[in-house]
Protein backbone atom coordinates (compact mmCIF):
# COMPACT_ATOMS: atom_id res chain seq x y z
CA UNK A 1 -11.64 -15.32 -1.27
CA UNK A 2 -8.86 -12.98 0.65
CA UNK A 3 -9.61 -9.34 0.53
CA UNK A 4 -6.82 -7.72 -1.21
CA UNK A 5 -4.76 -5.06 1.03
CA UNK A 6 -4.24 -1.40 0.40
CA UNK A 7 -1.89 1.21 1.88
CA UNK A 8 -3.47 4.31 0.62
CA UNK A 9 -0.37 7.23 1.56
CA UNK A 10 -1.78 10.71 1.07
CA UNK A 11 -1.48 14.05 3.74
CA UNK A 12 -5.20 14.89 2.72
CA UNK A 13 -6.50 11.25 4.20
CA UNK A 14 -8.98 12.82 6.02
CA UNK A 15 -10.63 14.51 2.88
CA UNK A 16 -10.62 10.78 1.09
CA UNK A 17 -12.92 8.98 3.88
CA UNK A 18 -15.62 8.35 1.25
CA UNK A 19 -13.39 6.82 -0.94
CA UNK A 20 -12.09 4.60 1.32
CA UNK A 21 -15.77 4.01 2.82
CA UNK A 22 -16.40 2.92 -0.96
CA UNK A 23 -13.39 0.76 -1.72
CA UNK A 24 -14.17 -1.17 1.56
CA UNK A 25 -17.70 -1.70 0.46
CA UNK A 26 -16.26 -3.43 -2.45
CA UNK A 27 -14.55 -6.26 -0.49
CA UNK A 28 -11.08 -4.25 -0.01
CA UNK A 29 -9.07 -3.82 3.09
CA UNK A 30 -7.65 -0.31 3.71
CA UNK A 31 -4.83 0.76 5.66
CA UNK A 32 -3.76 4.92 5.60
CA UNK A 33 -1.18 7.06 6.53
CA UNK A 34 -0.46 10.81 5.93
CA UNK A 35 3.43 10.68 5.39
CA UNK A 36 6.22 8.57 3.54
CA UNK A 37 7.90 7.66 6.99
CA UNK A 38 5.10 6.15 8.45
CA UNK A 39 4.26 4.45 5.38
CA UNK A 40 7.71 2.89 5.78
CA UNK A 41 7.28 1.53 8.95
CA UNK A 42 3.82 0.05 7.98
CA UNK A 43 5.83 -1.56 4.95
CA UNK A 44 8.66 -3.02 7.03
CA UNK A 45 6.23 -4.87 9.28
CA UNK A 46 3.16 -5.86 6.82
CA UNK A 47 2.90 -6.86 3.01
CA UNK A 48 0.33 -5.20 0.82
CA UNK A 49 -1.20 -5.83 -2.43
CA UNK A 50 -1.38 -2.47 -3.90
CA UNK A 51 -0.17 1.02 -2.83
CA UNK A 52 -2.01 3.95 -3.56
CA UNK A 53 0.67 7.19 -3.15
CA UNK A 54 -0.04 10.90 -3.25
CA UNK A 55 3.31 12.32 -5.28
CA UNK A 56 2.69 15.81 -3.29
CA UNK A 57 3.24 15.33 0.62
CA UNK A 58 5.02 17.37 3.41
CA UNK A 59 8.98 15.72 3.99
CA UNK A 60 9.56 13.14 1.32
CA UNK A 61 7.28 13.29 -1.74
CA UNK A 62 5.75 10.37 -3.48
CA UNK A 63 8.63 10.39 -5.78
CA UNK A 64 11.05 10.31 -3.49
CA UNK A 65 9.57 7.69 -1.20
CA UNK A 66 9.07 5.29 -4.31
CA UNK A 67 12.47 3.77 -4.24
CA UNK A 68 12.58 3.02 -0.66
CA UNK A 69 8.80 1.81 -1.09
CA UNK A 70 9.51 -0.49 -3.98
CA UNK A 71 12.67 -1.93 -1.54
CA UNK A 72 10.16 -2.93 1.32
CA UNK A 73 7.37 -4.16 -0.82
CA UNK A 74 8.81 -4.83 -4.74
CA UNK A 75 5.71 -6.97 -5.81
CA UNK A 76 3.35 -4.32 -4.98
CA UNK A 77 2.09 -2.31 -7.82
CA UNK A 78 1.80 1.50 -7.06
CA UNK A 79 -0.56 3.66 -8.35
CA UNK A 80 0.45 7.44 -8.09
CA UNK A 81 -1.83 9.92 -7.27
CA UNK A 82 -0.77 13.92 -7.99
CA UNK A 83 -2.46 17.29 -8.50
CA UNK A 84 0.11 18.13 -10.83
CA UNK A 85 -0.24 18.02 -14.65
CA UNK A 86 2.93 18.68 -15.72
CA UNK A 87 4.57 16.56 -18.17
CA UNK A 88 7.95 16.07 -16.52
CA UNK A 89 6.34 15.11 -13.38
CA UNK A 90 4.22 12.50 -15.37
CA UNK A 91 7.46 11.38 -17.31
CA UNK A 92 9.64 10.91 -13.79
CA UNK A 93 6.54 8.87 -12.35
CA UNK A 94 6.66 6.45 -15.49
CA UNK A 95 10.62 6.28 -15.45
CA UNK A 96 10.15 5.52 -11.73
CA UNK A 97 8.39 2.46 -12.80
CA UNK A 98 4.99 3.26 -11.08
CA UNK A 99 1.95 1.26 -12.26
CA UNK A 100 -0.53 3.95 -12.94
CA UNK A 101 -0.89 7.74 -12.72
CA UNK A 102 -4.42 9.45 -11.78
CA UNK A 103 -4.78 13.31 -11.66
CA UNK A 104 -6.68 14.80 -8.55
CA UNK A 105 -9.48 15.28 -8.22
CA UNK A 106 -10.08 11.59 -8.43
CA UNK A 107 -13.72 10.01 -8.06
CA UNK A 108 -14.13 6.98 -6.14
CA UNK A 109 -14.89 5.01 -9.65
CA UNK A 110 -11.39 6.15 -11.29
CA UNK A 111 -9.99 4.42 -7.86
CA UNK A 112 -11.64 1.55 -8.37
CA UNK A 113 -10.81 0.94 -12.06
CA UNK A 114 -7.62 1.62 -11.57
CA UNK A 115 -6.99 -0.97 -8.41
CA UNK A 116 -8.83 -3.36 -10.61
CA UNK A 117 -6.64 -2.70 -13.78
CA UNK A 118 -3.90 -3.69 -11.39
CA UNK A 119 -4.94 -6.81 -9.54
CA UNK A 120 -7.57 -8.17 -11.13
CA UNK A 121 -6.19 -7.36 -14.77
CA UNK A 122 -4.62 -10.73 -15.17
CA UNK A 123 -7.18 -12.87 -13.98
CA UNK A 124 -9.82 -10.68 -16.14
CA UNK A 125 -7.81 -11.18 -18.94
CA UNK A 126 -7.43 -15.05 -18.51
CA UNK A 127 -11.07 -15.51 -18.06
CA UNK A 128 -11.55 -13.96 -21.43
CA UNK A 129 -9.01 -15.73 -23.20
CA UNK A 130 -10.65 -18.97 -21.89
CA UNK A 131 -13.78 -17.86 -23.03
CA UNK A 132 -12.67 -16.94 -26.68
CA UNK A 133 -10.83 -19.93 -27.11
CA UNK A 134 -14.11 -22.12 -25.87
CA UNK A 135 -16.16 -20.01 -28.61
CA UNK A 136 -13.48 -21.13 -31.24
CA UNK A 137 -12.92 -24.50 -30.28
CA UNK A 138 -16.00 -26.00 -32.41
CA UNK A 139 -14.94 -24.05 -35.32
CA UNK A 140 -11.45 -24.87 -35.24
CA UNK A 141 -12.87 -28.52 -34.76
CA UNK A 142 -14.81 -27.89 -38.04
CA UNK A 143 -11.82 -26.61 -39.80
CA UNK A 144 -9.78 -29.60 -39.15
CA UNK A 145 -12.15 -32.11 -40.66
CA UNK A 146 -12.72 -29.83 -43.59
CA UNK A 147 -8.96 -28.98 -44.40
CA UNK A 148 -8.76 -29.77 -48.23
CA UNK A 149 -5.70 -28.15 -49.27
CA UNK A 150 -2.03 -26.93 -48.15
CA UNK A 151 -3.36 -23.30 -47.37
CA UNK A 152 -6.11 -24.50 -45.24
CA UNK A 153 -3.70 -26.76 -43.15
CA UNK A 154 -1.59 -23.59 -42.85
CA UNK A 155 -4.63 -21.52 -41.65
CA UNK A 156 -5.71 -24.44 -38.89
CA UNK A 157 -1.64 -24.38 -37.66
CA UNK A 158 -1.75 -20.34 -37.37
CA UNK A 159 -4.96 -20.59 -35.17
CA UNK A 160 -3.86 -23.60 -32.90
CA UNK A 161 -0.38 -21.50 -32.64
CA UNK A 162 -2.17 -18.35 -31.59
CA UNK A 163 -4.11 -19.92 -28.77
CA UNK A 164 -1.10 -21.87 -27.83
CA UNK A 165 0.93 -18.90 -27.35
CA UNK A 166 -2.25 -16.76 -25.71
CA UNK A 167 -2.89 -19.64 -22.91
CA UNK A 168 0.59 -20.11 -22.29
CA UNK A 169 0.77 -17.83 -19.10
CA UNK A 170 -2.90 -18.06 -18.23
CA UNK A 171 -2.40 -20.95 -15.89
CA UNK A 172 -5.77 -22.66 -16.68
CA UNK A 173 -4.48 -26.38 -17.10
CA UNK A 174 -7.54 -27.77 -18.22
CA UNK A 175 -8.03 -25.59 -21.41
CA UNK A 176 -4.27 -26.34 -22.26
CA UNK A 177 -4.93 -29.88 -22.20
CA UNK A 178 -8.26 -29.59 -24.42
CA UNK A 179 -6.03 -27.60 -26.62
CA UNK A 180 -3.30 -30.30 -26.81
CA UNK A 181 -5.60 -32.50 -27.69
CA UNK A 182 -6.88 -30.65 -30.29
CA UNK A 183 -3.32 -30.07 -31.70
CA UNK A 184 -3.07 -33.73 -31.41
CA UNK A 185 -6.17 -34.64 -33.66
CA UNK A 186 -5.09 -32.18 -35.82
CA UNK A 187 -1.60 -33.44 -36.51
CA UNK A 188 -3.24 -36.69 -36.97
CA UNK A 189 -5.57 -35.35 -39.94
CA UNK A 190 -2.87 -33.23 -41.19
CA UNK A 191 -0.75 -36.86 -41.40
CA UNK A 192 -3.54 -38.46 -43.74
CA UNK A 193 -3.65 -35.50 -45.75
CA UNK A 194 0.36 -35.50 -46.40
CA UNK A 195 0.14 -39.40 -46.89
CA UNK A 196 -2.55 -38.77 -49.65
CA UNK A 197 -1.23 -35.71 -51.34
CA UNK A 198 2.82 -35.82 -50.88
CA UNK A 199 3.59 -38.02 -53.86
CA UNK A 200 1.32 -35.92 -55.97
CA UNK A 201 3.28 -32.65 -55.43
CA UNK A 202 6.22 -34.07 -57.51
CA UNK A 203 4.17 -35.20 -60.42
CA UNK A 204 4.96 -33.65 -63.66
CA UNK A 205 3.71 -30.23 -64.51
CA UNK A 206 1.23 -29.88 -61.24
CA UNK A 207 1.27 -26.71 -59.95
CA UNK A 208 -1.38 -27.51 -57.42
CA UNK A 209 1.06 -27.64 -54.75
CA UNK A 210 2.45 -25.53 -51.61
CA UNK A 211 5.69 -23.92 -51.79
CA UNK A 212 8.57 -26.50 -51.09
CA UNK A 213 12.25 -26.12 -49.56
CA UNK A 214 13.84 -26.19 -53.47
CA UNK A 215 11.45 -23.48 -54.46
CA UNK A 216 11.85 -20.92 -51.62
CA UNK A 217 15.18 -19.39 -53.07
CA UNK A 218 13.85 -18.80 -56.47
CA UNK A 219 10.62 -17.86 -55.81
CA UNK A 220 10.66 -15.64 -52.61
CA UNK A 221 14.49 -14.60 -52.78
CA UNK A 222 15.38 -13.80 -56.47
CA UNK A 223 12.91 -11.85 -56.86
CA UNK A 224 13.81 -9.07 -54.18
CA UNK A 225 17.65 -9.78 -55.27
CA UNK A 226 16.49 -8.63 -58.87
CA UNK A 227 14.98 -5.51 -57.52
CA UNK A 228 18.53 -4.53 -56.67
CA UNK A 229 18.00 -4.84 -53.23
CA UNK A 230 20.56 -5.55 -50.60
CA UNK A 231 19.64 -9.25 -48.89
CA UNK A 232 20.34 -10.57 -45.65
CA UNK A 233 19.00 -13.89 -45.59
CA UNK A 234 19.22 -15.61 -42.02
CA UNK A 235 18.34 -19.32 -41.60
CA UNK A 236 17.90 -20.39 -37.85
CA UNK A 237 18.11 -24.21 -38.17
CA UNK A 238 14.72 -25.74 -36.57
CA UNK A 239 12.93 -22.53 -36.01
CA UNK A 240 9.29 -23.48 -35.91
CA UNK A 241 6.50 -20.95 -36.07
CA UNK A 242 5.45 -20.46 -32.59
CA UNK A 243 9.22 -19.77 -31.82
CA UNK A 244 9.11 -17.08 -34.58
CA UNK A 245 5.68 -15.75 -33.07
CA UNK A 246 7.27 -15.64 -29.49
CA UNK A 247 10.37 -13.81 -30.57
CA UNK A 248 8.57 -11.62 -33.01
CA UNK A 249 7.94 -8.81 -30.38
CA UNK A 250 11.29 -8.53 -29.73
CA UNK A 251 12.14 -7.98 -33.65
CA UNK A 252 9.60 -5.79 -34.16
CA UNK A 253 11.22 -3.06 -31.91
CA UNK A 254 13.91 -2.95 -35.11
CA UNK A 255 11.82 -3.96 -38.13
CA UNK A 256 8.84 -3.75 -39.91
CA UNK A 257 7.31 -7.18 -40.98
CA UNK A 258 6.77 -6.83 -44.69
CA UNK A 259 5.75 -10.19 -45.59
CA UNK A 260 5.00 -13.42 -43.29
CA UNK A 261 3.95 -16.72 -44.66
CA UNK A 262 4.43 -20.57 -44.05
CA UNK A 263 5.90 -22.84 -46.51
CA UNK A 264 6.35 -26.56 -46.51
CA UNK A 265 9.46 -28.40 -45.29
CA UNK A 266 10.16 -31.36 -47.68
CA UNK A 267 10.56 -35.24 -46.30
CA UNK A 268 12.45 -36.13 -44.19
CA UNK A 269 12.34 -32.83 -42.46
CA UNK A 270 16.03 -33.25 -41.83
CA UNK A 271 18.98 -30.44 -42.05
CA UNK A 272 20.70 -32.93 -44.34
CA UNK A 273 17.57 -33.05 -46.69
CA UNK A 274 15.50 -30.11 -46.34
CA UNK A 275 18.60 -27.49 -46.21
CA UNK A 276 20.93 -28.91 -48.72
CA UNK A 277 17.60 -28.72 -50.96
CA UNK A 278 16.80 -25.47 -50.16
CA UNK A 279 19.93 -24.11 -51.14
CA UNK A 280 20.53 -26.28 -53.98
CA UNK A 281 17.21 -25.58 -55.46
CA UNK A 282 16.78 -29.06 -55.97
CA UNK A 283 15.39 -31.98 -54.33
CA UNK A 284 17.80 -34.68 -52.94
CA UNK A 285 17.51 -37.05 -55.49
CA UNK A 286 18.50 -34.47 -57.98
CA UNK A 287 21.66 -33.38 -56.04
CA UNK A 288 22.79 -36.98 -55.53
CA UNK A 289 22.54 -37.32 -59.43
CA UNK A 290 23.85 -33.86 -60.40
CA UNK A 291 26.33 -33.50 -57.51
CA UNK A 292 27.52 -37.07 -56.28
CA UNK A 293 30.57 -35.58 -55.08
CA UNK A 294 28.66 -33.46 -52.79
CA UNK A 295 25.67 -35.78 -51.87
CA UNK A 296 26.16 -38.02 -48.97
CA UNK A 297 23.61 -40.86 -47.95
CA UNK A 298 22.62 -41.78 -44.39
CA UNK A 299 24.80 -44.63 -44.26
CA UNK A 300 27.71 -42.73 -45.65
CA UNK A 301 30.19 -41.48 -42.98
CA UNK A 302 30.87 -37.91 -42.85
CA UNK A 303 29.09 -34.16 -42.77
CA UNK A 304 26.17 -34.45 -44.44
CA UNK A 305 25.83 -30.55 -44.88
CA UNK A 306 29.36 -29.16 -45.14
CA UNK A 307 28.77 -28.16 -49.32
CA UNK A 308 25.56 -25.78 -48.95
CA UNK A 309 27.57 -22.53 -49.84
CA UNK A 310 28.80 -24.75 -52.98
CA UNK A 311 25.14 -26.12 -53.74
CA UNK A 312 23.94 -22.41 -53.24
CA UNK A 313 26.76 -20.96 -55.69
CA UNK A 314 25.32 -23.62 -58.41
CA UNK A 315 21.84 -22.33 -58.14
CA UNK A 316 22.59 -18.60 -58.60
CA UNK A 317 24.81 -19.81 -61.82
CA UNK A 318 21.91 -21.88 -62.73
CA UNK A 319 19.77 -18.98 -62.19
CA UNK A 320 21.69 -16.88 -64.41
CA UNK A 321 22.27 -14.55 -61.68
CA UNK A 322 25.39 -12.18 -61.61
CA UNK A 323 25.84 -11.35 -57.66
CA UNK A 324 28.62 -11.78 -55.21
CA UNK A 325 27.52 -13.45 -51.70
CA UNK A 326 28.96 -14.00 -48.27
CA UNK A 327 27.99 -17.49 -46.32
CA UNK A 328 28.38 -17.93 -42.87
CA UNK A 329 27.78 -20.37 -40.45
CA UNK A 330 27.50 -19.43 -36.89
CA UNK A 331 27.63 -21.94 -34.09
CA UNK A 332 29.52 -20.43 -31.27
CA UNK A 333 29.20 -17.35 -29.96
CA UNK A 334 32.75 -15.87 -30.95
CA UNK A 335 31.58 -16.48 -34.41
CA UNK A 336 28.71 -14.58 -34.16
CA UNK A 337 30.57 -11.49 -32.56
CA UNK A 338 32.87 -11.96 -35.74
CA UNK A 339 30.04 -11.41 -38.15
CA UNK A 340 29.03 -8.35 -36.22
CA UNK A 341 32.76 -6.79 -36.36
CA UNK A 342 32.99 -7.88 -40.10
CA UNK A 343 29.20 -6.39 -41.08
CA UNK A 344 30.19 -3.34 -42.66
CA UNK A 345 32.40 -5.31 -45.48
CA UNK A 346 29.66 -7.79 -46.00
CA UNK A 347 26.94 -5.62 -46.67
CA UNK A 348 29.16 -4.45 -49.87
CA UNK A 349 27.73 -8.15 -51.40
CA UNK A 350 24.39 -7.87 -52.45
CA UNK A 351 23.53 -11.20 -50.26
CA UNK A 352 24.43 -12.46 -47.14
CA UNK A 353 23.70 -15.76 -46.03
CA UNK A 354 23.88 -16.43 -42.23
CA UNK A 355 23.25 -19.94 -40.47
CA UNK A 356 22.46 -20.21 -36.91
CA UNK A 357 22.18 -23.81 -35.69
CA UNK A 358 21.64 -22.85 -32.16
CA UNK A 359 18.08 -24.02 -31.99
CA UNK A 360 18.70 -27.40 -33.48
CA UNK A 361 21.72 -27.77 -31.36
CA UNK A 362 19.50 -26.92 -28.03
CA UNK A 363 17.08 -29.92 -29.07
CA UNK A 364 19.80 -32.50 -29.60
CA UNK A 365 21.53 -31.49 -26.41
CA UNK A 366 18.19 -31.60 -24.47
CA UNK A 367 18.07 -35.36 -25.15
CA UNK A 368 21.42 -35.75 -24.07
CA UNK A 369 21.68 -33.88 -21.15
CA UNK A 370 19.41 -34.22 -17.90
CA UNK A 371 19.80 -30.39 -16.70
CA UNK A 372 18.28 -29.20 -20.39
CA UNK A 373 15.77 -32.19 -20.18
CA UNK A 374 14.66 -29.94 -17.05
CA UNK A 375 15.00 -26.58 -18.31
CA UNK A 376 12.73 -27.41 -21.26
CA UNK A 377 10.49 -30.38 -20.19
CA UNK A 378 7.52 -29.36 -22.16
CA UNK A 379 6.95 -26.97 -25.07
CA UNK A 380 6.29 -23.70 -23.21
CA UNK A 381 9.68 -24.53 -21.70
CA UNK A 382 11.23 -25.07 -25.05
CA UNK A 383 9.81 -21.58 -26.29
CA UNK A 384 10.91 -19.81 -23.14
CA UNK A 385 14.68 -21.06 -23.59
CA UNK A 386 14.64 -20.12 -26.91
CA UNK A 387 13.52 -16.75 -26.25
CA UNK A 388 16.09 -16.36 -23.63
CA UNK A 389 18.72 -17.62 -26.28
CA UNK A 390 17.79 -15.14 -28.95
CA UNK A 391 17.36 -12.12 -26.29
CA UNK A 392 20.72 -12.55 -25.27
CA UNK A 393 22.48 -13.98 -28.51
CA UNK A 394 24.63 -12.24 -31.07
CA UNK A 395 22.07 -12.46 -33.65
CA UNK A 396 19.95 -10.43 -31.46
CA UNK A 397 22.67 -7.84 -31.37
CA UNK A 398 23.31 -8.40 -35.20
CA UNK A 399 19.72 -7.65 -36.12
CA UNK A 400 19.95 -4.54 -34.33
CA UNK A 401 23.03 -3.38 -36.39
CA UNK A 402 21.17 -4.55 -39.54
CA UNK A 403 18.31 -2.12 -38.92
CA UNK A 404 20.75 0.84 -37.89
CA UNK A 405 22.29 -0.04 -41.53
CA UNK A 406 18.86 -0.19 -43.20
CA UNK A 407 19.48 -3.70 -44.11
CA UNK A 408 16.51 -5.62 -45.77
CA UNK A 409 16.25 -9.06 -43.86
CA UNK A 410 14.95 -12.27 -44.38
CA UNK A 411 14.47 -14.89 -41.50
CA UNK A 412 13.75 -18.75 -42.41
CA UNK A 413 14.42 -21.96 -41.32
CA UNK A 414 14.71 -25.62 -42.88
CA UNK A 415 12.43 -27.54 -40.75
CA UNK A 416 10.70 -27.57 -37.23
CA UNK A 417 10.50 -30.12 -34.54
CA UNK A 418 7.82 -32.15 -32.48
CA UNK A 419 7.70 -33.13 -28.98
CA UNK A 420 7.65 -37.01 -29.24
CA UNK A 421 5.91 -39.30 -26.74
CA UNK A 422 4.46 -42.74 -28.44
CA UNK A 423 7.27 -45.06 -29.11
CA UNK A 424 6.72 -47.21 -32.26
CA UNK A 425 8.62 -50.53 -32.93
CA UNK A 426 10.75 -50.90 -35.97
CA UNK A 427 13.35 -53.91 -37.14
CA UNK A 428 16.06 -52.44 -39.53
CA UNK A 429 19.72 -53.73 -40.37
CA UNK A 430 22.96 -52.29 -39.16
CA UNK A 431 22.85 -49.75 -41.96
CA UNK A 432 19.01 -48.17 -41.16
CA UNK A 433 19.41 -44.56 -40.31
CA UNK A 434 19.25 -43.77 -36.96
CA UNK A 435 16.84 -40.85 -37.00
CA UNK A 436 13.94 -41.59 -34.60
CA UNK A 437 11.16 -39.72 -36.81
CA UNK A 438 12.14 -41.50 -40.27
CA UNK A 439 13.83 -44.73 -41.40
CA UNK A 440 15.72 -45.04 -44.19
CA UNK A 441 17.50 -48.67 -45.41
CA UNK A 442 16.87 -51.87 -47.29
CA UNK A 443 15.15 -54.23 -44.55
CA UNK A 444 12.89 -52.46 -42.81
CA UNK A 445 9.96 -54.01 -40.77
CA UNK A 446 7.36 -52.12 -39.49
CA UNK A 447 3.39 -52.02 -38.86
CA UNK A 448 2.12 -50.43 -42.25
CA UNK A 449 -0.71 -48.43 -39.96
CA UNK A 450 1.67 -46.57 -37.94
CA UNK A 451 3.92 -45.28 -40.60
CA UNK A 452 3.76 -43.15 -43.83
CA UNK A 453 5.95 -45.56 -46.01
CA UNK A 454 7.48 -44.89 -49.35
CA UNK A 455 9.02 -48.15 -50.99
CA UNK A 456 9.70 -46.15 -54.23
CA UNK A 457 11.80 -42.69 -52.87
CA UNK A 458 12.69 -41.79 -56.59
CA UNK A 459 8.62 -41.29 -56.81
CA UNK A 460 8.91 -38.47 -53.98
CA UNK A 461 12.48 -37.45 -55.44
CA UNK A 462 14.82 -38.93 -52.35
CA UNK A 463 17.68 -40.83 -53.18
CA UNK A 464 17.80 -44.63 -53.41
CA UNK A 465 20.97 -46.03 -52.82
CA UNK A 466 19.92 -49.70 -53.07
CA UNK A 467 17.19 -51.91 -55.02
CA UNK A 468 15.11 -52.33 -51.91
CA UNK A 469 15.98 -48.88 -50.33
CA UNK A 470 12.86 -47.36 -48.59
CA UNK A 471 11.75 -44.92 -46.35
CA UNK A 472 9.27 -44.73 -43.54
CA UNK A 473 8.21 -41.67 -41.34
CA UNK A 474 6.87 -41.36 -37.99
CA UNK A 475 3.73 -39.13 -37.78
CA UNK A 476 1.99 -37.10 -34.51
CA UNK A 477 3.95 -37.51 -31.64
CA UNK A 478 5.35 -41.25 -32.50
CA UNK A 479 9.01 -41.78 -32.40
CA UNK A 480 10.84 -45.15 -33.99
CA UNK A 481 12.63 -47.17 -31.95
CA UNK A 482 14.41 -51.11 -32.37
CA UNK A 483 13.43 -53.83 -30.26
CA UNK A 484 16.87 -54.61 -28.78
CA UNK A 485 16.69 -52.90 -25.70
CA UNK A 486 13.25 -51.43 -26.25
CA UNK A 487 12.00 -50.09 -23.26
CA UNK A 488 15.43 -48.45 -22.19
CA UNK A 489 15.55 -46.31 -25.63
CA UNK A 490 11.54 -45.99 -25.43
CA UNK A 491 12.01 -44.36 -22.04
CA UNK A 492 14.92 -41.95 -22.74
CA UNK A 493 13.77 -40.66 -25.91
CA UNK A 494 10.14 -39.79 -24.41
CA UNK A 495 9.50 -36.24 -24.10
CA UNK A 496 12.37 -35.32 -26.28
CA UNK A 497 12.28 -32.61 -29.45
CA UNK A 498 12.75 -34.87 -32.54
CA UNK A 499 12.45 -33.81 -36.36
CA UNK A 500 12.38 -35.65 -39.54
CA UNK A 501 8.79 -37.22 -39.92
CA UNK A 502 5.40 -35.55 -40.42
CA UNK A 503 3.88 -32.96 -38.41
CA UNK A 504 2.63 -29.47 -38.64
CA UNK A 505 5.17 -28.41 -36.11
CA UNK A 506 8.01 -30.06 -38.36
CA UNK A 507 6.94 -29.32 -41.91
CA UNK A 508 4.60 -25.79 -41.53
CA UNK A 509 8.06 -23.34 -41.24
CA UNK A 510 7.92 -19.77 -41.31
CA UNK A 511 9.52 -17.37 -44.02
CA UNK A 512 9.42 -13.63 -42.95
CA UNK A 513 10.64 -10.45 -44.84
CA UNK A 514 11.82 -7.66 -42.75
CA UNK A 515 12.28 -4.02 -43.34
CA UNK A 516 14.11 -1.66 -40.82
CA UNK A 517 12.12 0.81 -39.28
CA UNK A 518 12.96 4.42 -39.94
């Protein structure tokens, strides 16, 4: 391994010979100079891994030299060493983006520790993270095999997401592959659990079931409204739990997390079903019966989520709530800016609901446009693209404004998505739904072992437009492709993000309550 190259700039460098010899014995390569101008000459011709910089020197001080040093060698960490303990000097140094700050007299071990922290910190963290995951691997595998109920699966998924995010930037591809296989195994077992238990969740008077899409508003939002709290409900379409954990640190700058949980999206995990169900407080079958003028089946033409505001209003009336609410879909940046401009007036209502569709639009656009396939070609890249959008989005600005106005905020979603890899053949007629993760129609032909088939949709409270209507759901990373031009479509949709089927990523989704920081 190549020795790290260090430049030490100090007007008393002769007094530091023992320190230099100590560091050279530890394997570091040292070059020294006694003033900033000589340091500039060295930096103009050579690259260094780290710079030790004295703050108080004749001529240019360390702080005065820092800007040019950063220009000449921007990637090298700078450790400032000074005799001064004055707070303003420390603050100025930190504000000038030094990487560490030491006060003289320093002993060799102090210097060594600071160097290791700057040069080997990432390596040590990576090694420790990998070691910790290896230790927990067997425990998580055991949890996957022993998961018996919906809470067990939430716990498994939380742990897998935790390790996925912690290993993300560690550069250890072998461990990432092991984790990906463990997650795939978990999804296989999760699908078995859903196939075995999902129908029972809709049996009359069954209380042993998770929080589901149609119950979230009544069980989680209404109690807050009854406390006379003004609530801003932000539903981000297709926000997965890992997406939430990825952007949470940004949100945590302005809000404290009062409450975080995972709830279960209904099947199909598609906007038409799960989001209508969320706002109606009803399963799709009941919506189709009670509001036949609102519900559209898969084969019907027209937008399937155009009446959410009406469905929410009907639920509020059904629950006997007397409140004013605003409802706004935000599909474009200019709409997001208008929301911010109108926020003061909106907050006079007890409930404000905002729908942000960007992540869902991104997943669909990524399927259609090659440039987005390149930008989000795996889970990590998809999270990064989501993070970048959120950071620069009107939604992030809205949250900052809401924090300043001391509003309580709920962030949630309607379903997640999964990166599909394995095509499965299915045959249907012209009226069969086009979704790749579920199919709904009359004349479906498929391998029973490859899907979760529901031949009597009413038992899971889904509409049944025809006598022979049935639903089939893809599991894990499978996607459903027709035999016609099979190879083309199998390749076209491979490694795209889809939703509608059964996986932890699609069904186990976040619900978060935020309080503004003082």
